[in-house]
Amino acid sequence: MSACCFLVKGRVQGVGYRYFALREAHALGLGGFARNLPDGDVEVVAEGAPEALEIFAGRLAEGPFAATVTAVERTARTAQGLTSFSIR
C-alpha cells in the first residue's frame, strides 16, 4: 500500500472539489480524506494501490467541472492504514 498527500491549488473551494475527490477515491478503492485549507487550497490524503493513486492524481488535476486546478503538488507519506475516504 502506498500513500500520498496532494495539495491542490486554484479555484478549488466552493465548487464541490472535496465531494469530487470523495467520489473518485471511492471508485478507485482508496482511503484517506479531503479538506479545505485556510489559504484556499484543498489538501487530499490518499492511500491504496500505487496504480490507483496514479489514476487518482490525474483525476485530481482535472477536477470537477466548476473547478479550475492550477497545480497539484504531490508528496509521498507513510501509510496510516486508512481504508475509507472522508471529507473533513
Protein backbone atom coordinates (compact mmCIF):
# COMPACT_ATOMS: atom_id res chain seq x y z
CA MET A 1 0.00 0.00 0.00
CA SER A 2 1.21 3.47 -0.89
CA ALA A 3 0.18 6.86 0.47
CA CYS A 4 0.33 10.41 -0.89
CA CYS A 5 -0.61 13.89 0.12
CA PHE A 6 -1.87 16.15 -2.67
CA LEU A 7 -2.04 19.93 -2.31
CA VAL A 8 -4.49 21.17 -4.92
CA LYS A 9 -4.30 24.83 -5.93
CA GLY A 10 -6.57 27.07 -7.97
CA ARG A 11 -10.30 27.69 -7.77
CA VAL A 12 -10.99 24.56 -5.74
CA GLN A 13 -13.12 25.72 -2.82
CA GLY A 14 -16.86 26.28 -3.13
CA VAL A 15 -17.06 24.23 -6.34
CA GLY A 16 -17.64 20.70 -4.98
CA TYR A 17 -13.98 19.69 -5.19
CA ARG A 18 -13.89 17.69 -1.93
CA TYR A 19 -17.00 15.73 -2.96
CA PHE A 20 -15.43 15.12 -6.37
CA ALA A 21 -12.34 13.72 -4.62
CA LEU A 22 -14.57 11.56 -2.42
CA ARG A 23 -16.38 10.04 -5.42
CA GLU A 24 -13.14 9.40 -7.31
CA ALA A 25 -11.46 7.85 -4.26
CA HIS A 26 -14.44 5.53 -3.69
CA ALA A 27 -14.40 4.49 -7.35
CA LEU A 28 -10.71 3.60 -7.07
CA GLY A 29 -10.91 1.90 -3.66
CA LEU A 30 -8.73 4.49 -1.90
CA GLY A 31 -8.80 5.53 1.75
CA GLY A 32 -8.00 8.98 3.07
CA PHE A 33 -9.62 12.39 3.29
CA ALA A 34 -10.04 15.79 1.65
CA ARG A 35 -10.20 19.11 3.48
CA ASN A 36 -10.21 22.80 2.72
CA LEU A 37 -7.23 24.83 3.89
CA PRO A 38 -7.42 28.44 5.10
CA ASP A 39 -5.38 29.70 2.12
CA GLY A 40 -7.95 28.46 -0.44
CA ASP A 41 -6.16 25.22 -1.35
CA VAL A 42 -7.52 21.71 -0.81
CA GLU A 43 -5.46 19.01 0.87
CA VAL A 44 -6.15 15.43 -0.21
CA VAL A 45 -4.55 12.47 1.54
CA ALA A 46 -4.99 9.10 -0.15
CA GLU A 47 -3.81 5.54 0.49
CA GLY A 48 -4.10 2.45 -1.66
CA ALA A 49 -2.62 0.62 -4.60
CA PRO A 50 0.10 2.57 -6.44
CA GLU A 51 -1.74 2.20 -9.76
CA ALA A 52 -4.94 3.61 -8.26
CA LEU A 53 -3.02 6.55 -6.78
CA GLU A 54 -1.61 7.37 -10.23
CA ILE A 55 -5.09 7.42 -11.75
CA PHE A 56 -6.37 9.47 -8.79
CA ALA A 57 -3.59 12.04 -9.26
CA GLY A 58 -4.66 12.57 -12.86
CA ARG A 59 -8.28 12.99 -11.88
CA LEU A 60 -7.38 15.48 -9.14
CA ALA A 61 -5.54 17.56 -11.74
CA GLU A 62 -8.70 17.69 -13.86
CA GLY A 63 -11.12 18.36 -11.00
CA PRO A 64 -14.89 18.81 -11.29
CA PHE A 65 -16.50 20.95 -13.97
CA ALA A 66 -16.71 24.16 -11.88
CA ALA A 67 -13.11 23.99 -10.60
CA THR A 68 -10.00 25.49 -12.13
CA VAL A 69 -6.99 23.49 -10.97
CA THR A 70 -3.72 25.38 -11.50
CA ALA A 71 -1.36 22.96 -9.74
CA VAL A 72 -1.26 19.70 -7.79
CA GLU A 73 1.74 19.21 -5.52
CA ARG A 74 2.29 15.58 -4.55
CA THR A 75 4.36 14.24 -1.69
CA ALA A 76 4.78 10.68 -0.50
CA ARG A 77 3.85 9.87 3.07
CA THR A 78 3.78 6.89 5.37
CA ALA A 79 0.59 4.85 5.11
CA GLN A 80 -1.62 5.06 8.20
CA GLY A 81 -3.95 2.22 7.25
CA LEU A 82 -6.81 4.47 6.11
CA THR A 83 -9.44 2.27 4.48
CA SER A 84 -12.33 4.71 3.95
CA PHE A 85 -12.37 8.18 2.44
CA SER A 86 -13.97 11.15 4.19
CA ILE A 87 -14.40 14.89 3.97
CA ARG A 88 -13.03 16.93 6.83
